[in-house]
Amino acid sequence: MGGSTIVGQDAAGLVSALKSAQSGDVIELAAGDYSRIKLQNLSLQGEGVTTPAQDGDAPATLNGMVVSNCQGLTFSNLDMF
């Protein structure tokens, strides 16, 4: 079964949403630049968490993202640098 859908508006909101996410949640990212994101020690079992762009025609960009010791996260339809 699916979880909740949350919309991230900025980098701090994305990190907060990921830290409180439950398996099956979807965190959609509004268009914009999400910079200096550091994710550490997140582990989501089961379905994990999916993080797509909210609008495929208006990209969300993850710039300088650092991920360490994380499991169960799927990022899709995003620009990553």
C-alpha atoms as a PDB file:
ATOM      1  CA  MET A   1       0.000   0.000   0.000  1.00  0.00           C
ATOM      2  CA  GLY A   2       1.157   3.543  -0.696  1.00  0.00           C
ATOM      3  CA  GLY A   3       1.914   6.166   1.894  1.00  0.00           C
ATOM      4  CA  SER A   4       1.483   9.908   2.050  1.00  0.00           C
ATOM      5  CA  THR A   5       2.411  12.443  -0.613  1.00  0.00           C
ATOM      6  CA  ILE A   6       4.390  15.423   0.653  1.00  0.00           C
ATOM      7  CA  VAL A   7       5.515  18.417  -1.440  1.00  0.00           C
ATOM      8  CA  GLY A   8       9.000  19.792  -0.769  1.00  0.00           C
ATOM      9  CA  GLN A   9       9.429  23.488  -1.494  1.00  0.00           C
ATOM     10  CA  ASP A  10      13.096  23.989  -0.540  1.00  0.00           C
ATOM     11  CA  ALA A  11      16.221  22.111   0.618  1.00  0.00           C
ATOM     12  CA  ALA A  12      15.383  22.333   4.334  1.00  0.00           C
ATOM     13  CA  GLY A  13      11.848  21.078   3.654  1.00  0.00           C
ATOM     14  CA  LEU A  14      13.182  18.145   1.630  1.00  0.00           C
ATOM     15  CA  VAL A  15      15.588  17.084   4.381  1.00  0.00           C
ATOM     16  CA  SER A  16      12.874  17.415   7.024  1.00  0.00           C
ATOM     17  CA  ALA A  17      10.415  15.385   4.930  1.00  0.00           C
ATOM     18  CA  LEU A  18      12.978  12.645   4.289  1.00  0.00           C
ATOM     19  CA  LYS A  19      13.859  12.384   7.977  1.00  0.00           C
ATOM     20  CA  SER A  20      10.215  11.953   8.963  1.00  0.00           C
ATOM     21  CA  ALA A  21       9.166   9.826   5.957  1.00  0.00           C
ATOM     22  CA  GLN A  22       7.623   6.402   6.295  1.00  0.00           C
ATOM     23  CA  SER A  23       7.928   3.509   3.881  1.00  0.00           C
ATOM     24  CA  GLY A  24       5.723   4.107   0.829  1.00  0.00           C
ATOM     25  CA  ASP A  25       5.712   7.906   1.098  1.00  0.00           C
ATOM     26  CA  VAL A  26       6.257  10.076  -1.982  1.00  0.00           C
ATOM     27  CA  ILE A  27       8.037  13.406  -1.546  1.00  0.00           C
ATOM     28  CA  GLU A  28       7.444  15.512  -4.646  1.00  0.00           C
ATOM     29  CA  LEU A  29       9.834  18.377  -5.289  1.00  0.00           C
ATOM     30  CA  ALA A  30       8.571  21.696  -6.591  1.00  0.00           C
ATOM     31  CA  ALA A  31      10.650  23.241  -9.395  1.00  0.00           C
ATOM     32  CA  GLY A  32      13.829  24.922  -8.246  1.00  0.00           C
ATOM     33  CA  ASP A  33      17.386  24.420  -7.017  1.00  0.00           C
ATOM     34  CA  TYR A  34      17.919  22.277  -3.930  1.00  0.00           C
ATOM     35  CA  SER A  35      21.521  22.914  -2.813  1.00  0.00           C
ATOM     36  CA  ARG A  36      23.805  21.601  -0.105  1.00  0.00           C
ATOM     37  CA  ILE A  37      21.706  18.677   1.014  1.00  0.00           C
ATOM     38  CA  LYS A  38      23.371  16.159   3.298  1.00  0.00           C
ATOM     39  CA  LEU A  39      21.590  12.895   4.111  1.00  0.00           C
ATOM     40  CA  GLN A  40      23.114  10.463   6.576  1.00  0.00           C
ATOM     41  CA  ASN A  41      21.964   7.236   8.191  1.00  0.00           C
ATOM     42  CA  LEU A  42      18.443   7.074   6.730  1.00  0.00           C
ATOM     43  CA  SER A  43      17.068   3.571   6.342  1.00  0.00           C
ATOM     44  CA  LEU A  44      13.548   2.973   5.068  1.00  0.00           C
ATOM     45  CA  GLN A  45      12.456  -0.625   4.721  1.00  0.00           C
ATOM     46  CA  GLY A  46       9.620  -2.042   2.638  1.00  0.00           C
ATOM     47  CA  GLU A  47       8.586   0.207  -0.227  1.00  0.00           C
ATOM     48  CA  GLY A  48      11.064   2.950   0.723  1.00  0.00           C
ATOM     49  CA  VAL A  49      10.505   6.576  -0.256  1.00  0.00           C
ATOM     50  CA  THR A  50      10.267   7.927  -3.804  1.00  0.00           C
ATOM     51  CA  THR A  51      11.277  11.512  -4.552  1.00  0.00           C
ATOM     52  CA  PRO A  52      10.230  12.684  -8.050  1.00  0.00           C
ATOM     53  CA  ALA A  53       9.887  16.167  -9.492  1.00  0.00           C
ATOM     54  CA  GLN A  54       6.369  17.484  -8.890  1.00  0.00           C
ATOM     55  CA  ASP A  55       6.086  18.652 -12.496  1.00  0.00           C
ATOM     56  CA  GLY A  56       8.069  16.887 -15.219  1.00  0.00           C
ATOM     57  CA  ASP A  57       8.074  20.084 -17.308  1.00  0.00           C
ATOM     58  CA  ALA A  58       9.531  22.211 -14.485  1.00  0.00           C
ATOM     59  CA  PRO A  59      12.628  20.413 -13.193  1.00  0.00           C
ATOM     60  CA  ALA A  60      13.895  20.251  -9.661  1.00  0.00           C
ATOM     61  CA  THR A  61      17.700  20.289  -9.418  1.00  0.00           C
ATOM     62  CA  LEU A  62      19.681  18.646  -6.627  1.00  0.00           C
ATOM     63  CA  ASN A  63      23.022  20.450  -6.544  1.00  0.00           C
ATOM     64  CA  GLY A  64      25.857  19.207  -4.345  1.00  0.00           C
ATOM     65  CA  MET A  65      23.871  16.486  -2.599  1.00  0.00           C
ATOM     66  CA  VAL A  66      25.787  14.159  -0.261  1.00  0.00           C
ATOM     67  CA  VAL A  67      24.246  10.794   0.665  1.00  0.00           C
ATOM     68  CA  SER A  68      25.946   8.558   3.218  1.00  0.00           C
ATOM     69  CA  ASN A  69      24.770   5.245   4.683  1.00  0.00           C
ATOM     70  CA  CYS A  70      21.182   5.556   3.390  1.00  0.00           C
ATOM     71  CA  GLN A  71      18.793   2.870   2.145  1.00  0.00           C
ATOM     72  CA  GLY A  72      15.323   2.824   0.618  1.00  0.00           C
ATOM     73  CA  LEU A  73      15.465   6.175  -1.207  1.00  0.00           C
ATOM     74  CA  THR A  74      14.579   6.496  -4.895  1.00  0.00           C
ATOM     75  CA  PHE A  75      15.093   9.775  -6.771  1.00  0.00           C
ATOM     76  CA  SER A  76      13.505  10.147 -10.216  1.00  0.00           C
ATOM     77  CA  ASN A  77      12.947  12.814 -12.900  1.00  0.00           C
ATOM     78  CA  LEU A  78      15.404  15.170 -11.182  1.00  0.00           C
ATOM     79  CA  ASP A  79      18.547  16.908 -12.393  1.00  0.00           C
ATOM     80  CA  MET A  80      21.463  16.015 -10.117  1.00  0.00           C
ATOM     81  CA  PHE A  81      24.845  17.775 -10.074  1.00  0.00           C
END
